[in-house]
Amino acid sequence: MKAENKKGSIFTRVSDTNLLLAITIVIFFLMYLGAIIFQGEGFLKPQKFFDILNNNSALIITACGMSLVMITGSIDISVGGVVALVSTCCAVYLDFHEGSIFGSILIAIGVGLAYGLVQGFLIAYLDIQPFIVSLAGMFFARGMSTIVHTAHFNVASTVFNGLKNTRINVPGMGSVNRKGIYIPAYVEIGVIVALVIVVLLFILLRWTKLGRNFYAVGGNKQSALMLGINVKKTKFLAHLICGVLAGIAGYVYLLHVGSSSADNAMGMEMNAIASSIIGGTMLTGGVGNIVGTLFGVLSLSTIQNIVSGAGLGDAWWTGITIAGMLCIFLVIQSVVMAQKKSALK
């Protein structure tokens, strides 16, 4: 009977996830509709939406990894530093060592994998606080980025730039400019990579045993142990996947900006956490959805575009708006979850 109750609590948290996902999607569409109504035709153009994806493909991947560790009740604030380190290492390898695309991809995955292995081991098996471990990881990554190369430079590799400048047209979504010329809508390669990762992680969380284990561990460690789940291994795997995704995000980031700098992806870890929370992932663990995280990134970027379109492009206005948005989503989550619990009683 106890085991059944524990399983029931897992399914309850999964249903909570779907409820918060629905709220996130509705709020995003209302926000985008408001932008169309009050800021005009710019948001009506399909390319405006695709540009949000193009500019945030690396953040989508990073936020997905963040959501995984948050679902298990953990956190990783080193992801922005890993993105910077990967982009710097790959840029230096491509330019100064005349490396191949395949080799640079291996470097990106290798750096992310190393971070996931080390941090996952320290957090899961040595039971060190994830905030402390990932804070040290963030400082290390930022420091190493500076050591690898201090100056800002554009990647000159012909093959890499050919890949960077590749555009994938979206059929039937173009627009006609003022000269009457049809301009096709497009997405960058990084968007395809990000969407494939979203689909794969959605399948992982929804239809695999490991995905259910993530929710169980984040919901209640003791209950997960009673169900025979290896809690340490599950947490380790969450951080391992997060590290690998941060490595991939670093390469996607480089594909988008085409340049190396130790300041790359500054603040991305905070944006990843914010996107996950807006997408319905709870800091307490056990509740979250990768599709919600995608819409969380879209919502975050949309509000930034709205603020910029209103003539308030200063960084502090954007920060204030994001802070207010986060508070609203946290309040909505708290109210909805509290009402659902009282209804169940």
C-alpha atoms as a PDB file:
ATOM      1  CA  MET A   1       0.000   0.000   0.000  1.00  0.00           C
ATOM      2  CA  LYS A   2       2.827   2.385   0.890  1.00  0.00           C
ATOM      3  CA  ALA A   3       4.536   1.754  -2.412  1.00  0.00           C
ATOM      4  CA  GLU A   4       1.281   2.522  -4.234  1.00  0.00           C
ATOM      5  CA  ASN A   5       0.966   5.791  -2.306  1.00  0.00           C
ATOM      6  CA  LYS A   6       4.493   6.749  -3.265  1.00  0.00           C
ATOM      7  CA  LYS A   7       3.796   6.017  -6.922  1.00  0.00           C
ATOM      8  CA  GLY A   8       0.609   8.004  -6.659  1.00  0.00           C
ATOM      9  CA  SER A   9       2.554  11.004  -5.350  1.00  0.00           C
ATOM     10  CA  ILE A  10       4.892  10.780  -8.352  1.00  0.00           C
ATOM     11  CA  PHE A  11       1.953  10.807 -10.781  1.00  0.00           C
ATOM     12  CA  THR A  12       0.443  13.726  -8.861  1.00  0.00           C
ATOM     13  CA  ARG A  13       3.607  15.758  -9.369  1.00  0.00           C
ATOM     14  CA  VAL A  14       3.626  14.883 -13.068  1.00  0.00           C
ATOM     15  CA  SER A  15       0.065  16.235 -13.331  1.00  0.00           C
ATOM     16  CA  ASP A  16       1.240  19.363 -11.472  1.00  0.00           C
ATOM     17  CA  THR A  17       3.887  19.691 -14.175  1.00  0.00           C
ATOM     18  CA  ASN A  18       1.258  19.615 -16.930  1.00  0.00           C
ATOM     19  CA  LEU A  19      -0.838  22.226 -15.133  1.00  0.00           C
ATOM     20  CA  LEU A  20       2.081  24.651 -14.819  1.00  0.00           C
ATOM     21  CA  LEU A  21       3.013  23.983 -18.456  1.00  0.00           C
ATOM     22  CA  ALA A  22      -0.478  24.996 -19.568  1.00  0.00           C
ATOM     23  CA  ILE A  23      -0.239  28.221 -17.538  1.00  0.00           C
ATOM     24  CA  THR A  24       3.155  29.054 -19.080  1.00  0.00           C
ATOM     25  CA  ILE A  25       1.930  28.518 -22.649  1.00  0.00           C
ATOM     26  CA  VAL A  26      -1.202  30.615 -22.110  1.00  0.00           C
ATOM     27  CA  ILE A  27       0.779  33.479 -20.577  1.00  0.00           C
ATOM     28  CA  PHE A  28       3.317  33.393 -23.424  1.00  0.00           C
ATOM     29  CA  PHE A  29       0.622  33.635 -26.100  1.00  0.00           C
ATOM     30  CA  LEU A  30      -1.145  36.438 -24.220  1.00  0.00           C
ATOM     31  CA  MET A  31       2.178  38.266 -23.925  1.00  0.00           C
ATOM     32  CA  TYR A  32       2.985  37.854 -27.617  1.00  0.00           C
ATOM     33  CA  LEU A  33      -0.552  38.915 -28.581  1.00  0.00           C
ATOM     34  CA  GLY A  34      -0.143  42.012 -26.407  1.00  0.00           C
ATOM     35  CA  ALA A  35       3.129  42.791 -28.192  1.00  0.00           C
ATOM     36  CA  ILE A  36       1.382  42.525 -31.568  1.00  0.00           C
ATOM     37  CA  ILE A  37      -1.469  44.806 -30.452  1.00  0.00           C
ATOM     38  CA  PHE A  38       0.586  47.498 -28.731  1.00  0.00           C
ATOM     39  CA  GLN A  39       3.860  47.437 -30.668  1.00  0.00           C
ATOM     40  CA  GLY A  40       2.633  46.845 -34.169  1.00  0.00           C
ATOM     41  CA  GLU A  41       3.577  44.896 -37.207  1.00  0.00           C
ATOM     42  CA  GLY A  42       7.104  43.927 -36.171  1.00  0.00           C
ATOM     43  CA  PHE A  43       5.780  41.074 -34.066  1.00  0.00           C
ATOM     44  CA  LEU A  44       3.409  40.043 -36.875  1.00  0.00           C
ATOM     45  CA  LYS A  45       6.297  39.041 -39.111  1.00  0.00           C
ATOM     46  CA  PRO A  46       7.138  35.331 -38.764  1.00  0.00           C
ATOM     47  CA  GLN A  47      10.851  36.145 -38.900  1.00  0.00           C
ATOM     48  CA  LYS A  48      10.508  38.100 -35.646  1.00  0.00           C
ATOM     49  CA  PHE A  49       9.499  34.893 -33.876  1.00  0.00           C
ATOM     50  CA  PHE A  50      12.200  32.874 -35.634  1.00  0.00           C
ATOM     51  CA  ASP A  51      14.790  35.480 -34.631  1.00  0.00           C
ATOM     52  CA  ILE A  52      13.834  34.879 -31.006  1.00  0.00           C
ATOM     53  CA  LEU A  53      14.718  31.230 -31.577  1.00  0.00           C
ATOM     54  CA  ASN A  54      17.903  32.116 -33.486  1.00  0.00           C
ATOM     55  CA  ASN A  55      19.142  34.439 -30.752  1.00  0.00           C
ATOM     56  CA  ASN A  56      18.322  32.037 -27.924  1.00  0.00           C
ATOM     57  CA  SER A  57      19.125  28.563 -29.264  1.00  0.00           C
ATOM     58  CA  ALA A  58      22.086  28.188 -26.871  1.00  0.00           C
ATOM     59  CA  LEU A  59      19.949  29.388 -23.958  1.00  0.00           C
ATOM     60  CA  ILE A  60      17.246  26.839 -24.815  1.00  0.00           C
ATOM     61  CA  ILE A  61      19.793  24.010 -24.596  1.00  0.00           C
ATOM     62  CA  THR A  62      21.324  25.367 -21.383  1.00  0.00           C
ATOM     63  CA  ALA A  63      17.908  25.901 -19.778  1.00  0.00           C
ATOM     64  CA  CYS A  64      16.891  22.326 -20.658  1.00  0.00           C
ATOM     65  CA  GLY A  65      19.927  21.005 -18.785  1.00  0.00           C
ATOM     66  CA  MET A  66      19.130  23.330 -15.888  1.00  0.00           C
ATOM     67  CA  SER A  67      15.558  22.041 -15.768  1.00  0.00           C
ATOM     68  CA  LEU A  68      16.793  18.461 -15.480  1.00  0.00           C
ATOM     69  CA  VAL A  69      18.892  19.174 -12.395  1.00  0.00           C
ATOM     70  CA  MET A  70      16.178  21.377 -10.888  1.00  0.00           C
ATOM     71  CA  ILE A  71      13.624  18.582 -11.306  1.00  0.00           C
ATOM     72  CA  THR A  72      15.906  16.393  -9.165  1.00  0.00           C
ATOM     73  CA  GLY A  73      16.016  19.149  -6.538  1.00  0.00           C
ATOM     74  CA  SER A  74      19.519  20.344  -7.454  1.00  0.00           C
ATOM     75  CA  ILE A  75      20.970  23.314  -9.343  1.00  0.00           C
ATOM     76  CA  ASP A  76      23.959  24.148 -11.560  1.00  0.00           C
ATOM     77  CA  ILE A  77      25.093  27.763 -11.867  1.00  0.00           C
ATOM     78  CA  SER A  78      28.256  26.898 -13.792  1.00  0.00           C
ATOM     79  CA  VAL A  79      26.519  26.445 -17.163  1.00  0.00           C
ATOM     80  CA  GLY A  80      27.169  30.003 -18.383  1.00  0.00           C
ATOM     81  CA  GLY A  81      30.862  29.648 -17.591  1.00  0.00           C
ATOM     82  CA  VAL A  82      30.988  26.296 -19.407  1.00  0.00           C
ATOM     83  CA  VAL A  83      29.393  27.875 -22.481  1.00  0.00           C
ATOM     84  CA  ALA A  84      32.054  30.621 -22.422  1.00  0.00           C
ATOM     85  CA  LEU A  85      34.895  28.125 -21.923  1.00  0.00           C
ATOM     86  CA  VAL A  86      33.679  25.851 -24.726  1.00  0.00           C
ATOM     87  CA  SER A  87      33.194  28.716 -27.185  1.00  0.00           C
ATOM     88  CA  THR A  88      36.676  30.085 -26.403  1.00  0.00           C
ATOM     89  CA  CYS A  89      38.404  26.685 -26.638  1.00  0.00           C
ATOM     90  CA  CYS A  90      36.679  25.813 -29.907  1.00  0.00           C
ATOM     91  CA  ALA A  91      37.405  29.223 -31.437  1.00  0.00           C
ATOM     92  CA  VAL A  92      41.104  29.012 -30.542  1.00  0.00           C
ATOM     93  CA  TYR A  93      41.288  25.441 -31.851  1.00  0.00           C
ATOM     94  CA  LEU A  94      39.615  26.387 -35.139  1.00  0.00           C
ATOM     95  CA  ASP A  95      41.671  29.535 -35.741  1.00  0.00           C
ATOM     96  CA  PHE A  96      45.127  29.164 -34.226  1.00  0.00           C
ATOM     97  CA  HIS A  97      45.456  25.399 -34.573  1.00  0.00           C
ATOM     98  CA  GLU A  98      43.565  25.140 -37.869  1.00  0.00           C
ATOM     99  CA  GLY A  99      41.356  22.452 -36.403  1.00  0.00           C
ATOM    100  CA  SER A 100      38.484  20.643 -38.044  1.00  0.00           C
ATOM    101  CA  ILE A 101      34.780  21.082 -37.357  1.00  0.00           C
ATOM    102  CA  PHE A 102      34.572  17.512 -36.064  1.00  0.00           C
ATOM    103  CA  GLY A 103      37.486  18.091 -33.692  1.00  0.00           C
ATOM    104  CA  SER A 104      35.938  21.288 -32.319  1.00  0.00           C
ATOM    105  CA  ILE A 105      32.644  19.493 -31.693  1.00  0.00           C
ATOM    106  CA  LEU A 106      34.526  16.786 -29.780  1.00  0.00           C
ATOM    107  CA  ILE A 107      36.194  19.495 -27.672  1.00  0.00           C
ATOM    108  CA  ALA A 108      32.798  21.035 -26.876  1.00  0.00           C
ATOM    109  CA  ILE A 109      31.272  17.726 -25.813  1.00  0.00           C
ATOM    110  CA  GLY A 110      34.470  16.731 -23.964  1.00  0.00           C
ATOM    111  CA  VAL A 111      34.566  19.910 -21.850  1.00  0.00           C
ATOM    112  CA  GLY A 112      30.880  19.585 -21.009  1.00  0.00           C
ATOM    113  CA  LEU A 113      31.274  15.901 -20.208  1.00  0.00           C
ATOM    114  CA  ALA A 114      34.229  16.599 -17.899  1.00  0.00           C
ATOM    115  CA  TYR A 115      32.219  19.213 -16.027  1.00  0.00           C
ATOM    116  CA  GLY A 116      29.242  16.892 -15.718  1.00  0.00           C
ATOM    117  CA  LEU A 117      31.383  14.018 -14.443  1.00  0.00           C
ATOM    118  CA  VAL A 118      33.274  16.043 -11.821  1.00  0.00           C
ATOM    119  CA  GLN A 119      30.381  18.115 -10.547  1.00  0.00           C
ATOM    120  CA  GLY A 120      27.968  15.191 -10.660  1.00  0.00           C
ATOM    121  CA  PHE A 121      30.344  13.055  -8.597  1.00  0.00           C
ATOM    122  CA  LEU A 122      30.954  15.779  -6.003  1.00  0.00           C
ATOM    123  CA  ILE A 123      27.250  16.542  -5.635  1.00  0.00           C
ATOM    124  CA  ALA A 124      25.735  13.066  -5.865  1.00  0.00           C
ATOM    125  CA  TYR A 125      28.342  10.809  -4.262  1.00  0.00           C
ATOM    126  CA  LEU A 126      30.190  13.156  -1.894  1.00  0.00           C
ATOM    127  CA  ASP A 127      26.968  14.990  -0.974  1.00  0.00           C
ATOM    128  CA  ILE A 128      28.458  18.476  -1.326  1.00  0.00           C
ATOM    129  CA  GLN A 129      25.965  21.314  -1.762  1.00  0.00           C
ATOM    130  CA  PRO A 130      25.281  21.781  -5.508  1.00  0.00           C
ATOM    131  CA  PHE A 131      25.338  25.583  -5.218  1.00  0.00           C
ATOM    132  CA  ILE A 132      28.880  25.531  -3.787  1.00  0.00           C
ATOM    133  CA  VAL A 133      30.170  22.986  -6.308  1.00  0.00           C
ATOM    134  CA  SER A 134      28.695  24.759  -9.332  1.00  0.00           C
ATOM    135  CA  LEU A 135      29.787  28.185  -8.007  1.00  0.00           C
ATOM    136  CA  ALA A 136      33.373  26.900  -7.918  1.00  0.00           C
ATOM    137  CA  GLY A 137      32.818  25.431 -11.387  1.00  0.00           C
ATOM    138  CA  MET A 138      31.592  28.780 -12.684  1.00  0.00           C
ATOM    139  CA  PHE A 139      34.655  30.644 -11.355  1.00  0.00           C
ATOM    140  CA  PHE A 140      36.968  27.962 -12.750  1.00  0.00           C
ATOM    141  CA  ALA A 141      35.355  28.086 -16.209  1.00  0.00           C
ATOM    142  CA  ARG A 142      35.483  31.884 -16.370  1.00  0.00           C
ATOM    143  CA  GLY A 143      39.107  31.878 -15.243  1.00  0.00           C
ATOM    144  CA  MET A 144      40.082  29.204 -17.754  1.00  0.00           C
ATOM    145  CA  SER A 145      38.326  31.133 -20.543  1.00  0.00           C
ATOM    146  CA  THR A 146      40.611  34.076 -19.824  1.00  0.00           C
ATOM    147  CA  ILE A 147      43.712  31.852 -19.726  1.00  0.00           C
ATOM    148  CA  VAL A 148      42.836  30.159 -23.034  1.00  0.00           C
ATOM    149  CA  HIS A 149      42.525  33.521 -24.792  1.00  0.00           C
ATOM    150  CA  THR A 150      42.063  37.006 -23.366  1.00  0.00           C
ATOM    151  CA  ALA A 151      41.335  39.101 -26.473  1.00  0.00           C
ATOM    152  CA  HIS A 152      38.106  39.184 -28.420  1.00  0.00           C
ATOM    153  CA  PHE A 153      38.409  37.854 -31.977  1.00  0.00           C
ATOM    154  CA  ASN A 154      36.212  36.597 -34.798  1.00  0.00           C
ATOM    155  CA  VAL A 155      36.622  33.028 -35.998  1.00  0.00           C
ATOM    156  CA  ALA A 156      38.171  33.142 -39.470  1.00  0.00           C
ATOM    157  CA  SER A 157      37.813  29.451 -40.375  1.00  0.00           C
ATOM    158  CA  THR A 158      36.138  29.235 -43.794  1.00  0.00           C
ATOM    159  CA  VAL A 159      34.484  25.901 -43.086  1.00  0.00           C
ATOM    160  CA  PHE A 160      33.183  27.074 -39.719  1.00  0.00           C
ATOM    161  CA  ASN A 161      31.789  30.311 -41.175  1.00  0.00           C
ATOM    162  CA  GLY A 162      30.118  28.331 -43.914  1.00  0.00           C
ATOM    163  CA  LEU A 163      28.363  26.306 -41.217  1.00  0.00           C
ATOM    164  CA  LYS A 164      27.605  29.445 -39.189  1.00  0.00           C
ATOM    165  CA  ASN A 165      26.026  31.210 -42.160  1.00  0.00           C
ATOM    166  CA  THR A 166      23.874  28.250 -43.162  1.00  0.00           C
ATOM    167  CA  ARG A 167      20.194  29.211 -43.149  1.00  0.00           C
ATOM    168  CA  ILE A 168      17.284  26.778 -43.217  1.00  0.00           C
ATOM    169  CA  ASN A 169      14.242  28.301 -44.907  1.00  0.00           C
ATOM    170  CA  VAL A 170      10.831  27.768 -43.336  1.00  0.00           C
ATOM    171  CA  PRO A 171       8.329  27.081 -46.180  1.00  0.00           C
ATOM    172  CA  GLY A 172       5.357  29.421 -46.443  1.00  0.00           C
ATOM    173  CA  MET A 173       6.479  31.681 -43.588  1.00  0.00           C
ATOM    174  CA  GLY A 174       8.262  34.445 -45.509  1.00  0.00           C
ATOM    175  CA  SER A 175       7.171  38.034 -46.038  1.00  0.00           C
ATOM    176  CA  VAL A 176       7.219  40.663 -48.800  1.00  0.00           C
ATOM    177  CA  ASN A 177       9.333  43.751 -48.192  1.00  0.00           C
ATOM    178  CA  ARG A 178       8.533  47.311 -49.285  1.00  0.00           C
ATOM    179  CA  LYS A 179      10.107  46.701 -52.689  1.00  0.00           C
ATOM    180  CA  GLY A 180       7.773  43.775 -53.290  1.00  0.00           C
ATOM    181  CA  ILE A 181      10.524  41.184 -52.941  1.00  0.00           C
ATOM    182  CA  TYR A 182       9.657  37.968 -51.137  1.00  0.00           C
ATOM    183  CA  ILE A 183      12.016  37.316 -48.204  1.00  0.00           C
ATOM    184  CA  PRO A 184      11.892  33.716 -46.920  1.00  0.00           C
ATOM    185  CA  ALA A 185      11.817  33.141 -43.172  1.00  0.00           C
ATOM    186  CA  TYR A 186      14.725  31.120 -41.848  1.00  0.00           C
ATOM    187  CA  VAL A 187      16.262  29.528 -38.789  1.00  0.00           C
ATOM    188  CA  GLU A 188      19.909  28.829 -38.009  1.00  0.00           C
ATOM    189  CA  ILE A 189      21.407  25.369 -37.511  1.00  0.00           C
ATOM    190  CA  GLY A 190      21.535  25.981 -33.763  1.00  0.00           C
ATOM    191  CA  VAL A 191      17.742  26.177 -33.620  1.00  0.00           C
ATOM    192  CA  ILE A 192      17.439  22.723 -35.171  1.00  0.00           C
ATOM    193  CA  VAL A 193      19.922  21.349 -32.628  1.00  0.00           C
ATOM    194  CA  ALA A 194      18.007  22.999 -29.771  1.00  0.00           C
ATOM    195  CA  LEU A 195      14.609  21.682 -30.911  1.00  0.00           C
ATOM    196  CA  VAL A 196      15.981  18.151 -31.371  1.00  0.00           C
ATOM    197  CA  ILE A 197      17.331  18.275 -27.796  1.00  0.00           C
ATOM    198  CA  VAL A 198      13.950  19.509 -26.514  1.00  0.00           C
ATOM    199  CA  VAL A 199      12.213  16.567 -28.209  1.00  0.00           C
ATOM    200  CA  LEU A 200      14.747  14.023 -26.912  1.00  0.00           C
ATOM    201  CA  LEU A 201      14.535  15.310 -23.335  1.00  0.00           C
ATOM    202  CA  PHE A 202      10.744  15.441 -23.513  1.00  0.00           C
ATOM    203  CA  ILE A 203      10.739  11.747 -24.489  1.00  0.00           C
ATOM    204  CA  LEU A 204      13.286  10.989 -21.750  1.00  0.00           C
ATOM    205  CA  LEU A 205      11.216  12.615 -19.010  1.00  0.00           C
ATOM    206  CA  ARG A 206       7.829  11.395 -20.166  1.00  0.00           C
ATOM    207  CA  TRP A 207       8.376   7.829 -21.324  1.00  0.00           C
ATOM    208  CA  THR A 208      11.518   6.425 -19.717  1.00  0.00           C
ATOM    209  CA  LYS A 209      12.277   4.980 -16.319  1.00  0.00           C
ATOM    210  CA  LEU A 210      15.157   7.422 -15.842  1.00  0.00           C
ATOM    211  CA  GLY A 211      12.822  10.348 -16.479  1.00  0.00           C
ATOM    212  CA  ARG A 212      10.361   9.090 -13.856  1.00  0.00           C
ATOM    213  CA  ASN A 213      13.295   8.643 -11.471  1.00  0.00           C
ATOM    214  CA  PHE A 214      14.244  12.308 -11.902  1.00  0.00           C
ATOM    215  CA  TYR A 215      10.760  13.356 -10.758  1.00  0.00           C
ATOM    216  CA  ALA A 216      10.746  10.840  -7.918  1.00  0.00           C
ATOM    217  CA  VAL A 217      14.122  11.949  -6.538  1.00  0.00           C
ATOM    218  CA  GLY A 218      13.183  15.613  -6.741  1.00  0.00           C
ATOM    219  CA  GLY A 219       9.777  14.999  -5.193  1.00  0.00           C
ATOM    220  CA  ASN A 220      10.922  13.010  -2.167  1.00  0.00           C
ATOM    221  CA  LYS A 221      14.287  11.311  -1.749  1.00  0.00           C
ATOM    222  CA  GLN A 222      13.096   8.966   0.966  1.00  0.00           C
ATOM    223  CA  SER A 223      10.120   7.848  -1.109  1.00  0.00           C
ATOM    224  CA  ALA A 224      12.427   7.301  -4.082  1.00  0.00           C
ATOM    225  CA  LEU A 225      14.696   5.098  -1.958  1.00  0.00           C
ATOM    226  CA  MET A 226      11.718   3.052  -0.794  1.00  0.00           C
ATOM    227  CA  LEU A 227      10.793   2.515  -4.444  1.00  0.00           C
ATOM    228  CA  GLY A 228      14.268   1.069  -5.072  1.00  0.00           C
ATOM    229  CA  ILE A 229      15.591   4.061  -6.991  1.00  0.00           C
ATOM    230  CA  ASN A 230      19.328   4.726  -6.843  1.00  0.00           C
ATOM    231  CA  VAL A 231      19.129   8.369  -5.756  1.00  0.00           C
ATOM    232  CA  LYS A 232      22.865   9.094  -6.056  1.00  0.00           C
ATOM    233  CA  LYS A 233      23.127   7.625  -9.526  1.00  0.00           C
ATOM    234  CA  THR A 234      20.024   9.519 -10.661  1.00  0.00           C
ATOM    235  CA  LYS A 235      21.404  12.864  -9.431  1.00  0.00           C
ATOM    236  CA  PHE A 236      24.775  12.086 -10.972  1.00  0.00           C
ATOM    237  CA  LEU A 237      23.181  11.388 -14.356  1.00  0.00           C
ATOM    238  CA  ALA A 238      21.156  14.623 -14.194  1.00  0.00           C
ATOM    239  CA  HIS A 239      24.328  16.669 -13.689  1.00  0.00           C
ATOM    240  CA  LEU A 240      26.180  14.642 -16.310  1.00  0.00           C
ATOM    241  CA  ILE A 241      23.488  15.367 -18.913  1.00  0.00           C
ATOM    242  CA  CYS A 242      23.419  19.029 -17.856  1.00  0.00           C
ATOM    243  CA  GLY A 243      27.192  19.290 -18.364  1.00  0.00           C
ATOM    244  CA  VAL A 244      27.062  17.703 -21.815  1.00  0.00           C
ATOM    245  CA  LEU A 245      24.193  20.009 -22.820  1.00  0.00           C
ATOM    246  CA  ALA A 246      26.191  23.036 -21.618  1.00  0.00           C
ATOM    247  CA  GLY A 247      29.052  21.867 -23.859  1.00  0.00           C
ATOM    248  CA  ILE A 248      26.717  21.566 -26.853  1.00  0.00           C
ATOM    249  CA  ALA A 249      25.217  24.964 -26.007  1.00  0.00           C
ATOM    250  CA  GLY A 250      28.729  26.449 -26.037  1.00  0.00           C
ATOM    251  CA  TYR A 251      29.261  25.291 -29.608  1.00  0.00           C
ATOM    252  CA  VAL A 252      25.793  26.486 -30.683  1.00  0.00           C
ATOM    253  CA  TYR A 253      26.562  29.839 -29.046  1.00  0.00           C
ATOM    254  CA  LEU A 254      29.799  30.083 -31.045  1.00  0.00           C
ATOM    255  CA  LEU A 255      27.885  29.230 -34.225  1.00  0.00           C
ATOM    256  CA  HIS A 256      25.549  32.145 -33.536  1.00  0.00           C
ATOM    257  CA  VAL A 257      28.006  34.886 -32.506  1.00  0.00           C
ATOM    258  CA  GLY A 258      31.017  33.656 -34.501  1.00  0.00           C
ATOM    259  CA  SER A 259      33.500  35.171 -32.063  1.00  0.00           C
ATOM    260  CA  SER A 260      35.444  34.323 -28.934  1.00  0.00           C
ATOM    261  CA  SER A 261      35.587  36.285 -25.700  1.00  0.00           C
ATOM    262  CA  ALA A 262      36.007  35.474 -22.025  1.00  0.00           C
ATOM    263  CA  ASP A 263      32.833  37.527 -21.487  1.00  0.00           C
ATOM    264  CA  ASN A 264      30.736  35.269 -23.728  1.00  0.00           C
ATOM    265  CA  ALA A 265      27.418  34.086 -22.278  1.00  0.00           C
ATOM    266  CA  MET A 266      27.720  36.378 -19.261  1.00  0.00           C
ATOM    267  CA  GLY A 267      24.662  35.858 -17.064  1.00  0.00           C
ATOM    268  CA  MET A 268      23.385  32.905 -19.097  1.00  0.00           C
ATOM    269  CA  GLU A 269      23.125  30.719 -15.973  1.00  0.00           C
ATOM    270  CA  MET A 270      20.709  33.224 -14.409  1.00  0.00           C
ATOM    271  CA  ASN A 271      18.654  33.394 -17.593  1.00  0.00           C
ATOM    272  CA  ALA A 272      18.564  29.580 -17.673  1.00  0.00           C
ATOM    273  CA  ILE A 273      17.261  29.437 -14.100  1.00  0.00           C
ATOM    274  CA  ALA A 274      14.716  32.184 -14.833  1.00  0.00           C
ATOM    275  CA  SER A 275      13.534  30.398 -18.000  1.00  0.00           C
ATOM    276  CA  SER A 276      13.126  27.126 -16.124  1.00  0.00           C
ATOM    277  CA  ILE A 277      11.093  28.781 -13.367  1.00  0.00           C
ATOM    278  CA  ILE A 278       8.928  30.679 -15.860  1.00  0.00           C
ATOM    279  CA  GLY A 279       8.458  27.385 -17.713  1.00  0.00           C
ATOM    280  CA  GLY A 280       6.988  25.763 -14.595  1.00  0.00           C
ATOM    281  CA  THR A 281      10.025  24.020 -13.098  1.00  0.00           C
ATOM    282  CA  MET A 282       9.947  24.415  -9.337  1.00  0.00           C
ATOM    283  CA  LEU A 283      13.071  25.060  -7.259  1.00  0.00           C
ATOM    284  CA  THR A 284      11.807  22.562  -4.688  1.00  0.00           C
ATOM    285  CA  GLY A 285      12.182  19.745  -7.247  1.00  0.00           C
ATOM    286  CA  GLY A 286       9.868  17.082  -8.620  1.00  0.00           C
ATOM    287  CA  VAL A 287       7.935  19.393 -10.958  1.00  0.00           C
ATOM    288  CA  GLY A 288       8.991  20.589 -14.402  1.00  0.00           C
ATOM    289  CA  ASN A 289       8.579  20.156 -18.142  1.00  0.00           C
ATOM    290  CA  ILE A 290      11.071  20.601 -20.982  1.00  0.00           C
ATOM    291  CA  VAL A 291       8.401  22.048 -23.282  1.00  0.00           C
ATOM    292  CA  GLY A 292       7.612  24.523 -20.516  1.00  0.00           C
ATOM    293  CA  THR A 293      11.292  25.455 -20.398  1.00  0.00           C
ATOM    294  CA  LEU A 294      11.217  26.166 -24.146  1.00  0.00           C
ATOM    295  CA  PHE A 295       8.243  28.480 -23.635  1.00  0.00           C
ATOM    296  CA  GLY A 296      10.026  29.966 -20.634  1.00  0.00           C
ATOM    297  CA  VAL A 297      12.930  31.003 -22.875  1.00  0.00           C
ATOM    298  CA  LEU A 298      10.496  32.378 -25.465  1.00  0.00           C
ATOM    299  CA  SER A 299       8.635  34.329 -22.768  1.00  0.00           C
ATOM    300  CA  LEU A 300      11.863  35.762 -21.362  1.00  0.00           C
ATOM    301  CA  SER A 301      13.052  36.863 -24.782  1.00  0.00           C
ATOM    302  CA  THR A 302       9.639  38.262 -25.722  1.00  0.00           C
ATOM    303  CA  ILE A 303       9.498  40.460 -22.633  1.00  0.00           C
ATOM    304  CA  GLN A 304      13.025  41.688 -23.430  1.00  0.00           C
ATOM    305  CA  ASN A 305      11.908  42.584 -26.963  1.00  0.00           C
ATOM    306  CA  ILE A 306       8.813  44.343 -25.616  1.00  0.00           C
ATOM    307  CA  VAL A 307      10.928  46.416 -23.229  1.00  0.00           C
ATOM    308  CA  SER A 308      13.360  47.272 -26.035  1.00  0.00           C
ATOM    309  CA  GLY A 309      10.499  48.104 -28.426  1.00  0.00           C
ATOM    310  CA  ALA A 310       9.018  50.465 -25.840  1.00  0.00           C
ATOM    311  CA  GLY A 311      12.232  52.501 -25.926  1.00  0.00           C
ATOM    312  CA  LEU A 312      13.475  51.193 -22.591  1.00  0.00           C
ATOM    313  CA  GLY A 313      16.511  49.375 -23.929  1.00  0.00           C
ATOM    314  CA  ASP A 314      18.708  50.041 -20.894  1.00  0.00           C
ATOM    315  CA  ALA A 315      19.935  46.854 -19.195  1.00  0.00           C
ATOM    316  CA  TRP A 316      18.504  47.875 -15.822  1.00  0.00           C
ATOM    317  CA  TRP A 317      14.969  48.231 -17.246  1.00  0.00           C
ATOM    318  CA  THR A 318      15.249  44.736 -18.698  1.00  0.00           C
ATOM    319  CA  GLY A 319      16.472  43.408 -15.339  1.00  0.00           C
ATOM    320  CA  ILE A 320      13.599  45.059 -13.477  1.00  0.00           C
ATOM    321  CA  THR A 321      11.068  43.635 -15.939  1.00  0.00           C
ATOM    322  CA  ILE A 322      12.503  40.117 -15.701  1.00  0.00           C
ATOM    323  CA  ALA A 323      12.500  40.352 -11.899  1.00  0.00           C
ATOM    324  CA  GLY A 324       8.840  41.370 -11.919  1.00  0.00           C
ATOM    325  CA  MET A 325       8.021  38.595 -14.374  1.00  0.00           C
ATOM    326  CA  LEU A 326       9.745  36.015 -12.181  1.00  0.00           C
ATOM    327  CA  CYS A 327       7.833  37.196  -9.121  1.00  0.00           C
ATOM    328  CA  ILE A 328       4.539  36.942 -11.009  1.00  0.00           C
ATOM    329  CA  PHE A 329       5.270  33.392 -12.141  1.00  0.00           C
ATOM    330  CA  LEU A 330       6.396  32.333  -8.667  1.00  0.00           C
ATOM    331  CA  VAL A 331       3.207  33.741  -7.151  1.00  0.00           C
ATOM    332  CA  ILE A 332       1.076  32.017  -9.794  1.00  0.00           C
ATOM    333  CA  GLN A 333       2.851  28.715  -9.135  1.00  0.00           C
ATOM    334  CA  SER A 334       2.407  29.053  -5.374  1.00  0.00           C
ATOM    335  CA  VAL A 335      -1.284  29.976  -5.614  1.00  0.00           C
ATOM    336  CA  VAL A 336      -2.126  27.228  -8.113  1.00  0.00           C
ATOM    337  CA  MET A 337      -0.270  24.531  -6.179  1.00  0.00           C
ATOM    338  CA  ALA A 338      -1.770  25.661  -2.847  1.00  0.00           C
ATOM    339  CA  GLN A 339      -5.315  25.607  -4.251  1.00  0.00           C
ATOM    340  CA  LYS A 340      -4.769  22.187  -5.790  1.00  0.00           C
ATOM    341  CA  LYS A 341      -3.510  20.785  -2.485  1.00  0.00           C
ATOM    342  CA  SER A 342      -6.485  22.207  -0.601  1.00  0.00           C
ATOM    343  CA  ALA A 343      -8.852  20.759  -3.213  1.00  0.00           C
ATOM    344  CA  LEU A 344      -7.280  17.319  -2.815  1.00  0.00           C
ATOM    345  CA  LYS A 345      -7.822  17.484   0.961  1.00  0.00           C
END
